[in-house]
Amino acid sequence: MATALTARPLISIALPDNRTARLAVQVLLALAGTALLTLSAKTKVVLGPVDMSLQTLAIFLIAAAFGFRLAVATLLLYLAQGAMGWPVFQSTPEKGIGIAYMMGTTGGYLAGFVVAAGIVGWAADRGWDRNIVKFLGALLVAELAIMGLGYGWLATIIGADKAWTFGVVPFIVPDLVKVGIAAALMPALWSLGRRSA
């Protein structure tokens, strides 16, 4: 029984047992997740040539709370909204919308978001979000996935040197801060939940 309890994401505590009600709540959670992703994308901090957003932090927290399946479904829904032309991404509609925007310089990062959500959700399903060391490791792998896919895609568009200079270096410290916040926050939430139970 203890193993079953540690292998559930945080949100599973609040999901109803009834299958239909559970599905309805999961749909609402996915929609709420896409709203949070949009809000976090639009929350900009200007630091030099690129804008920083809170989006990777939101992705990490959503994935940890939702678990693998719901997190990946939420990110895919978010990308589908963007593909339909909804202005859900950081620089939309100012720099374009829809598929054309997604195939531009941010395309690799967007794909990386889905991979990162899968990694962090997978870790949460195994209870790693209750242990700061294990969860930090999963978050770092997820961050590398975002940066690796983003860099690879961007390098094909603007060249490897420029992609490294403008697409990776400015994000290293801010993203490590967001990784640290997520790594500390989820175990703290689980600890708080155990104390109040």
N, C-alpha and C. Protein backbone atom coordinates (compact mmCIF):
# COMPACT_ATOMS: atom_id res chain seq x y z
N MET A 1 0.83 -1.20 0.00
CA MET A 1 0.00 0.00 0.00
C MET A 1 0.86 1.25 0.00
N ALA A 2 1.95 1.25 0.79
CA ALA A 2 2.83 2.42 0.85
C ALA A 2 3.46 2.70 -0.51
N THR A 3 3.80 1.63 -1.25
CA THR A 3 4.38 1.82 -2.57
C THR A 3 3.38 2.45 -3.51
N ALA A 4 2.12 2.04 -3.44
CA ALA A 4 1.08 2.61 -4.30
C ALA A 4 0.90 4.09 -4.00
N LEU A 5 0.96 4.45 -2.74
CA LEU A 5 0.79 5.85 -2.37
C LEU A 5 1.95 6.71 -2.85
N THR A 6 3.16 6.17 -2.84
CA THR A 6 4.30 6.98 -3.27
C THR A 6 4.41 7.07 -4.78
N ALA A 7 3.64 6.27 -5.50
CA ALA A 7 3.72 6.27 -6.95
C ALA A 7 2.56 7.03 -7.58
N ARG A 8 2.09 8.08 -6.89
CA ARG A 8 0.99 8.88 -7.42
C ARG A 8 1.40 10.34 -7.46
N PRO A 9 1.00 11.08 -8.51
CA PRO A 9 1.28 12.51 -8.53
C PRO A 9 0.38 13.24 -7.53
N LEU A 10 0.74 14.44 -7.20
CA LEU A 10 0.04 15.24 -6.19
C LEU A 10 -1.45 15.38 -6.50
N ILE A 11 -1.80 15.62 -7.74
CA ILE A 11 -3.20 15.88 -8.10
C ILE A 11 -4.09 14.68 -7.87
N SER A 12 -3.51 13.47 -7.84
CA SER A 12 -4.32 12.27 -7.67
C SER A 12 -5.08 12.26 -6.36
N ILE A 13 -4.60 13.02 -5.40
CA ILE A 13 -5.28 13.11 -4.10
C ILE A 13 -6.67 13.73 -4.26
N ALA A 14 -6.78 14.69 -5.20
CA ALA A 14 -8.02 15.42 -5.37
C ALA A 14 -8.96 14.85 -6.43
N LEU A 15 -8.52 13.83 -7.17
CA LEU A 15 -9.35 13.28 -8.24
C LEU A 15 -10.44 12.37 -7.69
N PRO A 16 -11.67 12.51 -8.20
CA PRO A 16 -12.75 11.64 -7.72
C PRO A 16 -12.56 10.20 -8.18
N ASP A 17 -13.19 9.27 -7.49
CA ASP A 17 -13.08 7.85 -7.83
C ASP A 17 -13.93 7.48 -9.04
N ASN A 18 -15.08 8.15 -9.19
CA ASN A 18 -15.96 7.88 -10.32
C ASN A 18 -15.24 8.20 -11.63
N ARG A 19 -15.29 7.25 -12.58
CA ARG A 19 -14.50 7.39 -13.81
C ARG A 19 -14.90 8.61 -14.64
N THR A 20 -16.21 8.84 -14.78
CA THR A 20 -16.69 9.98 -15.58
C THR A 20 -16.31 11.30 -14.92
N ALA A 21 -16.52 11.38 -13.62
CA ALA A 21 -16.17 12.60 -12.89
C ALA A 21 -14.67 12.83 -12.92
N ARG A 22 -13.92 11.76 -12.83
CA ARG A 22 -12.45 11.85 -12.87
C ARG A 22 -12.00 12.41 -14.21
N LEU A 23 -12.57 11.92 -15.31
CA LEU A 23 -12.22 12.40 -16.64
C LEU A 23 -12.59 13.88 -16.80
N ALA A 24 -13.76 14.25 -16.29
CA ALA A 24 -14.19 15.65 -16.38
C ALA A 24 -13.23 16.56 -15.62
N VAL A 25 -12.80 16.13 -14.45
CA VAL A 25 -11.85 16.93 -13.66
C VAL A 25 -10.51 17.01 -14.38
N GLN A 26 -10.08 15.91 -14.98
CA GLN A 26 -8.81 15.92 -15.71
C GLN A 26 -8.85 16.87 -16.91
N VAL A 27 -9.98 16.92 -17.61
CA VAL A 27 -10.14 17.85 -18.73
C VAL A 27 -10.06 19.29 -18.21
N LEU A 28 -10.75 19.56 -17.12
CA LEU A 28 -10.70 20.91 -16.53
C LEU A 28 -9.30 21.26 -16.07
N LEU A 29 -8.59 20.29 -15.51
CA LEU A 29 -7.21 20.53 -15.07
C LEU A 29 -6.29 20.83 -16.26
N ALA A 30 -6.48 20.09 -17.36
CA ALA A 30 -5.68 20.34 -18.56
C ALA A 30 -5.94 21.74 -19.10
N LEU A 31 -7.21 22.16 -19.11
CA LEU A 31 -7.55 23.51 -19.57
C LEU A 31 -6.96 24.56 -18.64
N ALA A 32 -7.05 24.31 -17.33
CA ALA A 32 -6.45 25.24 -16.37
C ALA A 32 -4.94 25.29 -16.54
N GLY A 33 -4.34 24.12 -16.83
CA GLY A 33 -2.90 24.07 -17.07
C GLY A 33 -2.49 24.90 -18.28
N THR A 34 -3.28 24.81 -19.36
CA THR A 34 -2.94 25.62 -20.55
C THR A 34 -3.11 27.10 -20.26
N ALA A 35 -4.09 27.45 -19.43
CA ALA A 35 -4.26 28.87 -19.06
C ALA A 35 -3.05 29.34 -18.26
N LEU A 36 -2.58 28.49 -17.33
CA LEU A 36 -1.39 28.84 -16.55
C LEU A 36 -0.15 28.95 -17.43
N LEU A 37 -0.02 28.05 -18.40
CA LEU A 37 1.11 28.12 -19.32
C LEU A 37 1.08 29.40 -20.14
N THR A 38 -0.11 29.79 -20.58
CA THR A 38 -0.24 31.04 -21.34
C THR A 38 0.13 32.23 -20.48
N LEU A 39 -0.39 32.27 -19.26
CA LEU A 39 -0.09 33.36 -18.34
C LEU A 39 1.41 33.42 -18.04
N SER A 40 2.01 32.27 -17.82
CA SER A 40 3.45 32.24 -17.50
C SER A 40 4.28 32.64 -18.71
N ALA A 41 3.80 32.33 -19.92
CA ALA A 41 4.51 32.73 -21.13
C ALA A 41 4.47 34.24 -21.32
N LYS A 42 3.36 34.85 -20.91
CA LYS A 42 3.18 36.29 -21.10
C LYS A 42 3.81 37.10 -19.97
N THR A 43 4.25 36.43 -18.91
CA THR A 43 4.93 37.11 -17.80
C THR A 43 6.40 37.24 -18.17
N LYS A 44 6.77 38.42 -18.64
CA LYS A 44 8.11 38.62 -19.19
C LYS A 44 9.00 39.42 -18.27
N VAL A 45 10.25 39.01 -18.20
CA VAL A 45 11.30 39.77 -17.54
C VAL A 45 12.36 40.01 -18.60
N VAL A 46 12.58 41.26 -18.96
CA VAL A 46 13.52 41.57 -20.03
C VAL A 46 14.94 41.63 -19.46
N LEU A 47 15.79 40.74 -19.99
CA LEU A 47 17.19 40.69 -19.60
C LEU A 47 18.04 40.62 -20.86
N GLY A 48 18.46 41.75 -21.33
CA GLY A 48 19.31 41.78 -22.52
C GLY A 48 18.54 41.47 -23.78
N PRO A 49 19.11 40.67 -24.68
CA PRO A 49 18.49 40.46 -25.99
C PRO A 49 17.28 39.54 -26.00
N VAL A 50 17.03 38.83 -24.90
CA VAL A 50 15.89 37.91 -24.87
C VAL A 50 15.00 38.21 -23.66
N ASP A 51 13.74 37.85 -23.81
CA ASP A 51 12.80 37.98 -22.69
C ASP A 51 12.75 36.66 -21.94
N MET A 52 12.77 36.75 -20.61
CA MET A 52 12.62 35.56 -19.78
C MET A 52 11.15 35.44 -19.37
N SER A 53 10.66 34.25 -19.31
CA SER A 53 9.30 34.02 -18.84
C SER A 53 9.35 33.04 -17.67
N LEU A 54 8.20 32.86 -17.05
CA LEU A 54 8.10 31.89 -15.96
C LEU A 54 7.61 30.54 -16.47
N GLN A 55 7.66 30.36 -17.80
CA GLN A 55 7.04 29.19 -18.39
C GLN A 55 7.69 27.87 -17.99
N THR A 56 9.01 27.80 -17.96
CA THR A 56 9.62 26.51 -17.59
C THR A 56 9.27 26.14 -16.15
N LEU A 57 9.19 27.14 -15.27
CA LEU A 57 8.77 26.86 -13.90
C LEU A 57 7.35 26.31 -13.88
N ALA A 58 6.46 26.92 -14.66
CA ALA A 58 5.08 26.44 -14.73
C ALA A 58 5.02 25.02 -15.27
N ILE A 59 5.82 24.73 -16.29
CA ILE A 59 5.84 23.38 -16.87
C ILE A 59 6.29 22.36 -15.82
N PHE A 60 7.35 22.69 -15.09
CA PHE A 60 7.86 21.77 -14.08
C PHE A 60 6.81 21.50 -12.99
N LEU A 61 6.14 22.56 -12.54
CA LEU A 61 5.17 22.41 -11.45
C LEU A 61 3.91 21.68 -11.93
N ILE A 62 3.45 22.01 -13.14
CA ILE A 62 2.29 21.30 -13.69
C ILE A 62 2.61 19.81 -13.84
N ALA A 63 3.76 19.51 -14.41
CA ALA A 63 4.14 18.11 -14.64
C ALA A 63 4.27 17.35 -13.32
N ALA A 64 4.87 17.99 -12.32
CA ALA A 64 5.02 17.33 -11.02
C ALA A 64 3.68 17.10 -10.36
N ALA A 65 2.78 18.05 -10.47
CA ALA A 65 1.47 17.92 -9.85
C ALA A 65 0.57 16.95 -10.60
N PHE A 66 0.64 16.95 -11.95
CA PHE A 66 -0.28 16.17 -12.77
C PHE A 66 0.19 14.74 -13.03
N GLY A 67 1.49 14.50 -13.03
CA GLY A 67 1.99 13.19 -13.43
C GLY A 67 2.14 13.11 -14.93
N PHE A 68 2.73 12.01 -15.41
CA PHE A 68 3.14 11.88 -16.81
C PHE A 68 2.00 12.10 -17.80
N ARG A 69 0.95 11.30 -17.70
CA ARG A 69 -0.10 11.33 -18.73
C ARG A 69 -0.80 12.67 -18.82
N LEU A 70 -1.27 13.18 -17.70
CA LEU A 70 -2.02 14.44 -17.71
C LEU A 70 -1.11 15.61 -18.06
N ALA A 71 0.15 15.56 -17.63
CA ALA A 71 1.09 16.64 -17.96
C ALA A 71 1.36 16.69 -19.46
N VAL A 72 1.64 15.54 -20.06
CA VAL A 72 1.91 15.50 -21.50
C VAL A 72 0.65 15.91 -22.27
N ALA A 73 -0.51 15.43 -21.84
CA ALA A 73 -1.77 15.81 -22.49
C ALA A 73 -1.98 17.33 -22.41
N THR A 74 -1.66 17.91 -21.26
CA THR A 74 -1.81 19.36 -21.08
C THR A 74 -0.88 20.13 -22.02
N LEU A 75 0.36 19.68 -22.12
CA LEU A 75 1.31 20.36 -23.01
C LEU A 75 0.91 20.20 -24.47
N LEU A 76 0.43 19.02 -24.85
CA LEU A 76 -0.03 18.82 -26.23
C LEU A 76 -1.26 19.68 -26.53
N LEU A 77 -2.16 19.81 -25.57
CA LEU A 77 -3.31 20.69 -25.74
C LEU A 77 -2.86 22.14 -25.91
N TYR A 78 -1.88 22.55 -25.12
CA TYR A 78 -1.32 23.90 -25.22
C TYR A 78 -0.74 24.15 -26.62
N LEU A 79 0.03 23.18 -27.13
CA LEU A 79 0.59 23.31 -28.47
C LEU A 79 -0.52 23.31 -29.53
N ALA A 80 -1.56 22.53 -29.33
CA ALA A 80 -2.68 22.51 -30.27
C ALA A 80 -3.38 23.87 -30.29
N GLN A 81 -3.53 24.48 -29.13
CA GLN A 81 -4.12 25.82 -29.07
C GLN A 81 -3.28 26.81 -29.86
N GLY A 82 -1.96 26.72 -29.68
CA GLY A 82 -1.06 27.58 -30.43
C GLY A 82 -1.12 27.33 -31.92
N ALA A 83 -1.20 26.06 -32.31
CA ALA A 83 -1.27 25.70 -33.73
C ALA A 83 -2.55 26.23 -34.38
N MET A 84 -3.62 26.32 -33.58
CA MET A 84 -4.88 26.85 -34.10
C MET A 84 -4.89 28.37 -34.21
N GLY A 85 -3.79 28.99 -33.78
CA GLY A 85 -3.68 30.44 -33.90
C GLY A 85 -4.02 31.22 -32.65
N TRP A 86 -4.27 30.51 -31.57
CA TRP A 86 -4.52 31.22 -30.31
C TRP A 86 -3.21 31.85 -29.85
N PRO A 87 -3.22 33.06 -29.34
CA PRO A 87 -1.98 33.72 -28.93
C PRO A 87 -1.49 33.28 -27.56
N VAL A 88 -1.12 32.01 -27.45
CA VAL A 88 -0.77 31.43 -26.15
C VAL A 88 0.73 31.46 -25.87
N PHE A 89 1.55 31.69 -26.91
CA PHE A 89 2.99 31.63 -26.73
C PHE A 89 3.56 32.99 -26.34
N GLN A 90 4.81 32.99 -25.92
CA GLN A 90 5.43 34.18 -25.36
C GLN A 90 5.35 35.40 -26.27
N SER A 91 5.70 35.27 -27.51
CA SER A 91 5.76 36.43 -28.40
C SER A 91 4.62 36.46 -29.41
N THR A 92 3.49 35.85 -29.06
CA THR A 92 2.33 35.91 -29.95
C THR A 92 1.32 36.90 -29.38
N PRO A 93 0.62 37.64 -30.20
CA PRO A 93 0.63 37.61 -31.65
C PRO A 93 1.68 38.55 -32.29
N GLU A 94 2.50 39.21 -31.46
CA GLU A 94 3.44 40.21 -31.99
C GLU A 94 4.36 39.65 -33.06
N LYS A 95 4.84 38.42 -32.89
CA LYS A 95 5.81 37.84 -33.83
C LYS A 95 5.22 36.71 -34.65
N GLY A 96 3.89 36.69 -34.75
CA GLY A 96 3.22 35.67 -35.55
C GLY A 96 2.40 34.74 -34.69
N ILE A 97 1.61 33.91 -35.36
CA ILE A 97 0.76 32.94 -34.65
C ILE A 97 0.72 31.62 -35.42
N GLY A 98 0.15 30.64 -34.82
CA GLY A 98 -0.10 29.37 -35.47
C GLY A 98 1.15 28.57 -35.80
N ILE A 99 1.00 27.71 -36.81
CA ILE A 99 2.07 26.80 -37.21
C ILE A 99 3.31 27.57 -37.65
N ALA A 100 3.11 28.68 -38.34
CA ALA A 100 4.25 29.47 -38.82
C ALA A 100 5.13 29.92 -37.65
N TYR A 101 4.50 30.37 -36.58
CA TYR A 101 5.26 30.77 -35.39
C TYR A 101 5.96 29.57 -34.78
N MET A 102 5.25 28.45 -34.69
CA MET A 102 5.80 27.25 -34.06
C MET A 102 6.98 26.68 -34.83
N MET A 103 7.00 26.89 -36.14
CA MET A 103 8.10 26.38 -36.95
C MET A 103 9.28 27.36 -36.98
N GLY A 104 9.14 28.48 -36.32
CA GLY A 104 10.21 29.47 -36.27
C GLY A 104 11.25 29.14 -35.22
N THR A 105 11.88 30.17 -34.70
CA THR A 105 13.03 30.00 -33.80
C THR A 105 12.69 29.30 -32.49
N THR A 106 11.44 29.33 -32.07
CA THR A 106 11.08 28.70 -30.78
C THR A 106 10.61 27.26 -30.92
N GLY A 107 10.56 26.73 -32.14
CA GLY A 107 10.01 25.40 -32.37
C GLY A 107 10.65 24.30 -31.54
N GLY A 108 11.96 24.32 -31.42
CA GLY A 108 12.65 23.30 -30.65
C GLY A 108 12.35 23.38 -29.17
N TYR A 109 12.23 24.60 -28.66
CA TYR A 109 11.90 24.78 -27.25
C TYR A 109 10.49 24.27 -26.97
N LEU A 110 9.55 24.54 -27.89
CA LEU A 110 8.18 24.06 -27.70
C LEU A 110 8.14 22.53 -27.65
N ALA A 111 8.89 21.88 -28.54
CA ALA A 111 8.97 20.41 -28.49
C ALA A 111 9.62 19.96 -27.18
N GLY A 112 10.63 20.70 -26.75
CA GLY A 112 11.30 20.39 -25.49
C GLY A 112 10.38 20.49 -24.29
N PHE A 113 9.40 21.40 -24.36
CA PHE A 113 8.44 21.53 -23.27
C PHE A 113 7.67 20.23 -23.05
N VAL A 114 7.28 19.59 -24.15
CA VAL A 114 6.52 18.33 -24.04
C VAL A 114 7.41 17.23 -23.46
N VAL A 115 8.63 17.15 -23.95
CA VAL A 115 9.58 16.15 -23.44
C VAL A 115 9.85 16.39 -21.96
N ALA A 116 10.06 17.65 -21.59
CA ALA A 116 10.33 17.99 -20.18
C ALA A 116 9.15 17.63 -19.30
N ALA A 117 7.93 17.91 -19.76
CA ALA A 117 6.74 17.55 -18.99
C ALA A 117 6.67 16.04 -18.79
N GLY A 118 7.04 15.29 -19.83
CA GLY A 118 7.06 13.84 -19.71
C GLY A 118 8.07 13.35 -18.69
N ILE A 119 9.26 13.93 -18.72
CA ILE A 119 10.32 13.53 -17.78
C ILE A 119 9.91 13.83 -16.34
N VAL A 120 9.45 15.05 -16.11
CA VAL A 120 9.09 15.46 -14.74
C VAL A 120 7.84 14.70 -14.27
N GLY A 121 6.86 14.52 -15.17
CA GLY A 121 5.67 13.76 -14.81
C GLY A 121 5.99 12.32 -14.48
N TRP A 122 6.90 11.71 -15.28
CA TRP A 122 7.35 10.35 -15.01
C TRP A 122 7.99 10.26 -13.62
N ALA A 123 8.81 11.24 -13.30
CA ALA A 123 9.47 11.25 -11.98
C ALA A 123 8.44 11.40 -10.86
N ALA A 124 7.44 12.26 -11.08
CA ALA A 124 6.40 12.45 -10.06
C ALA A 124 5.58 11.18 -9.85
N ASP A 125 5.32 10.47 -10.95
CA ASP A 125 4.57 9.20 -10.84
C ASP A 125 5.31 8.19 -9.98
N ARG A 126 6.61 8.34 -9.85
CA ARG A 126 7.42 7.42 -9.05
C ARG A 126 7.77 8.00 -7.68
N GLY A 127 7.19 9.12 -7.33
CA GLY A 127 7.40 9.72 -6.02
C GLY A 127 8.68 10.52 -5.88
N TRP A 128 9.37 10.79 -6.97
CA TRP A 128 10.62 11.54 -6.88
C TRP A 128 10.40 12.99 -6.46
N ASP A 129 9.19 13.50 -6.65
CA ASP A 129 8.91 14.89 -6.29
C ASP A 129 8.80 15.07 -4.77
N ARG A 130 8.95 14.00 -4.02
CA ARG A 130 8.94 14.10 -2.56
C ARG A 130 10.36 14.19 -2.00
N ASN A 131 11.35 13.95 -2.87
CA ASN A 131 12.75 13.94 -2.46
C ASN A 131 13.50 14.99 -3.27
N ILE A 132 14.04 15.99 -2.60
CA ILE A 132 14.64 17.12 -3.31
C ILE A 132 15.80 16.70 -4.20
N VAL A 133 16.58 15.72 -3.80
CA VAL A 133 17.74 15.31 -4.60
C VAL A 133 17.30 14.59 -5.87
N LYS A 134 16.40 13.61 -5.73
CA LYS A 134 15.90 12.89 -6.90
C LYS A 134 15.15 13.83 -7.85
N PHE A 135 14.33 14.70 -7.26
CA PHE A 135 13.54 15.60 -8.08
C PHE A 135 14.43 16.62 -8.81
N LEU A 136 15.46 17.08 -8.12
CA LEU A 136 16.40 18.00 -8.76
C LEU A 136 17.06 17.33 -9.96
N GLY A 137 17.43 16.06 -9.81
CA GLY A 137 18.02 15.33 -10.93
C GLY A 137 17.08 15.24 -12.11
N ALA A 138 15.80 14.94 -11.85
CA ALA A 138 14.81 14.85 -12.94
C ALA A 138 14.61 16.21 -13.60
N LEU A 139 14.56 17.25 -12.80
CA LEU A 139 14.38 18.60 -13.34
C LEU A 139 15.56 19.02 -14.21
N LEU A 140 16.76 18.67 -13.80
CA LEU A 140 17.94 19.02 -14.59
C LEU A 140 17.93 18.29 -15.94
N VAL A 141 17.52 17.02 -15.93
CA VAL A 141 17.41 16.28 -17.18
C VAL A 141 16.34 16.93 -18.08
N ALA A 142 15.22 17.32 -17.48
CA ALA A 142 14.15 17.98 -18.23
C ALA A 142 14.64 19.31 -18.81
N GLU A 143 15.38 20.06 -18.02
CA GLU A 143 15.93 21.34 -18.50
C GLU A 143 16.90 21.11 -19.65
N LEU A 144 17.73 20.09 -19.55
CA LEU A 144 18.65 19.75 -20.65
C LEU A 144 17.88 19.38 -21.91
N ALA A 145 16.75 18.71 -21.75
CA ALA A 145 15.93 18.35 -22.92
C ALA A 145 15.40 19.60 -23.61
N ILE A 146 14.91 20.54 -22.82
CA ILE A 146 14.41 21.80 -23.40
C ILE A 146 15.54 22.53 -24.13
N MET A 147 16.65 22.69 -23.44
CA MET A 147 17.77 23.43 -24.02
C MET A 147 18.37 22.69 -25.23
N GLY A 148 18.48 21.38 -25.13
CA GLY A 148 19.06 20.60 -26.23
C GLY A 148 18.21 20.67 -27.49
N LEU A 149 16.90 20.46 -27.34
CA LEU A 149 16.02 20.52 -28.50
C LEU A 149 15.92 21.94 -29.03
N GLY A 150 15.85 22.90 -28.10
CA GLY A 150 15.79 24.31 -28.53
C GLY A 150 17.03 24.72 -29.28
N TYR A 151 18.17 24.36 -28.74
CA TYR A 151 19.45 24.71 -29.39
C TYR A 151 19.57 24.02 -30.75
N GLY A 152 19.25 22.74 -30.81
CA GLY A 152 19.39 22.00 -32.06
C GLY A 152 18.53 22.60 -33.17
N TRP A 153 17.29 22.92 -32.85
CA TRP A 153 16.39 23.51 -33.84
C TRP A 153 16.87 24.90 -34.25
N LEU A 154 17.22 25.71 -33.24
CA LEU A 154 17.66 27.08 -33.52
C LEU A 154 18.94 27.10 -34.33
N ALA A 155 19.84 26.16 -34.08
CA ALA A 155 21.10 26.09 -34.82
C ALA A 155 20.88 25.85 -36.30
N THR A 156 19.83 25.11 -36.64
CA THR A 156 19.55 24.88 -38.07
C THR A 156 19.02 26.15 -38.74
N ILE A 157 18.51 27.07 -37.94
CA ILE A 157 17.93 28.29 -38.50
C ILE A 157 18.95 29.44 -38.55
N ILE A 158 19.70 29.63 -37.45
CA ILE A 158 20.60 30.79 -37.39
C ILE A 158 22.07 30.41 -37.25
N GLY A 159 22.38 29.12 -37.19
CA GLY A 159 23.76 28.68 -37.03
C GLY A 159 24.08 28.34 -35.59
N ALA A 160 25.02 27.43 -35.41
CA ALA A 160 25.34 26.90 -34.08
C ALA A 160 25.87 27.96 -33.12
N ASP A 161 26.77 28.83 -33.59
CA ASP A 161 27.35 29.84 -32.70
C ASP A 161 26.31 30.82 -32.19
N LYS A 162 25.50 31.33 -33.11
CA LYS A 162 24.46 32.28 -32.71
C LYS A 162 23.42 31.61 -31.83
N ALA A 163 23.08 30.37 -32.15
CA ALA A 163 22.11 29.64 -31.34
C ALA A 163 22.61 29.46 -29.91
N TRP A 164 23.89 29.16 -29.76
CA TRP A 164 24.47 29.02 -28.42
C TRP A 164 24.46 30.35 -27.69
N THR A 165 24.88 31.41 -28.39
CA THR A 165 25.00 32.74 -27.77
C THR A 165 23.66 33.33 -27.38
N PHE A 166 22.67 33.18 -28.27
CA PHE A 166 21.38 33.82 -28.02
C PHE A 166 20.28 32.88 -27.54
N GLY A 167 20.46 31.58 -27.76
CA GLY A 167 19.41 30.64 -27.42
C GLY A 167 19.67 29.77 -26.22
N VAL A 168 20.91 29.79 -25.71
CA VAL A 168 21.24 28.95 -24.55
C VAL A 168 21.84 29.78 -23.42
N VAL A 169 22.94 30.48 -23.71
CA VAL A 169 23.69 31.18 -22.66
C VAL A 169 22.83 32.11 -21.81
N PRO A 170 21.97 32.95 -22.40
CA PRO A 170 21.19 33.87 -21.56
C PRO A 170 20.20 33.17 -20.64
N PHE A 171 19.88 31.91 -20.93
CA PHE A 171 18.87 31.19 -20.16
C PHE A 171 19.45 30.32 -19.05
N ILE A 172 20.75 30.11 -19.05
CA ILE A 172 21.34 29.13 -18.13
C ILE A 172 21.05 29.48 -16.67
N VAL A 173 21.44 30.67 -16.24
CA VAL A 173 21.27 31.03 -14.82
C VAL A 173 19.79 31.16 -14.45
N PRO A 174 18.98 31.91 -15.22
CA PRO A 174 17.56 32.00 -14.84
C PRO A 174 16.86 30.65 -14.79
N ASP A 175 17.17 29.76 -15.74
CA ASP A 175 16.50 28.46 -15.74
C ASP A 175 16.97 27.58 -14.59
N LEU A 176 18.24 27.71 -14.21
CA LEU A 176 18.72 26.96 -13.03
C LEU A 176 18.03 27.46 -11.76
N VAL A 177 17.74 28.75 -11.69
CA VAL A 177 16.99 29.29 -10.55
C VAL A 177 15.60 28.69 -10.53
N LYS A 178 14.94 28.61 -11.69
CA LYS A 178 13.60 28.02 -11.76
C LYS A 178 13.63 26.53 -11.40
N VAL A 179 14.67 25.83 -11.83
CA VAL A 179 14.83 24.42 -11.45
C VAL A 179 14.95 24.30 -9.94
N GLY A 180 15.75 25.17 -9.32
CA GLY A 180 15.92 25.15 -7.87
C GLY A 180 14.62 25.43 -7.12
N ILE A 181 13.84 26.39 -7.63
CA ILE A 181 12.55 26.71 -6.99
C ILE A 181 11.62 25.51 -7.05
N ALA A 182 11.51 24.90 -8.23
CA ALA A 182 10.63 23.73 -8.38
C ALA A 182 11.10 22.57 -7.52
N ALA A 183 12.43 22.36 -7.48
CA ALA A 183 12.98 21.24 -6.70
C ALA A 183 12.70 21.40 -5.21
N ALA A 184 12.67 22.63 -4.74
CA ALA A 184 12.40 22.89 -3.32
C ALA A 184 10.90 22.90 -3.03
N LEU A 185 10.11 23.40 -3.97
CA LEU A 185 8.69 23.62 -3.73
C LEU A 185 7.88 22.33 -3.64
N MET A 186 8.08 21.40 -4.56
CA MET A 186 7.25 20.19 -4.56
C MET A 186 7.46 19.33 -3.31
N PRO A 187 8.70 19.04 -2.89
CA PRO A 187 8.86 18.28 -1.64
C PRO A 187 8.25 19.02 -0.44
N ALA A 188 8.34 20.35 -0.46
CA ALA A 188 7.76 21.14 0.63
C ALA A 188 6.24 20.99 0.65
N LEU A 189 5.61 20.98 -0.52
CA LEU A 189 4.15 20.80 -0.60
C LEU A 189 3.74 19.43 -0.10
N TRP A 190 4.49 18.40 -0.46
CA TRP A 190 4.19 17.05 0.01
C TRP A 190 4.36 16.96 1.53
N SER A 191 5.41 17.59 2.03
CA SER A 191 5.64 17.59 3.47
C SER A 191 4.52 18.30 4.21
N LEU A 192 4.08 19.41 3.65
CA LEU A 192 2.98 20.17 4.25
C LEU A 192 1.70 19.35 4.24
N GLY A 193 1.46 18.64 3.14
CA GLY A 193 0.28 17.79 3.03
C GLY A 193 0.30 16.66 4.04
N ARG A 194 1.46 16.08 4.27
CA ARG A 194 1.57 14.98 5.26
C ARG A 194 1.28 15.51 6.67
N ARG A 195 1.76 16.73 6.96
CA ARG A 195 1.54 17.28 8.30
C ARG A 195 0.09 17.63 8.56
N SER A 196 -0.62 18.08 7.49
CA SER A 196 -2.02 18.48 7.67
C SER A 196 -2.96 17.28 7.61
N ALA A 197 -2.44 16.14 7.13
CA ALA A 197 -3.30 14.95 7.02
C ALA A 197 -3.55 14.31 8.37
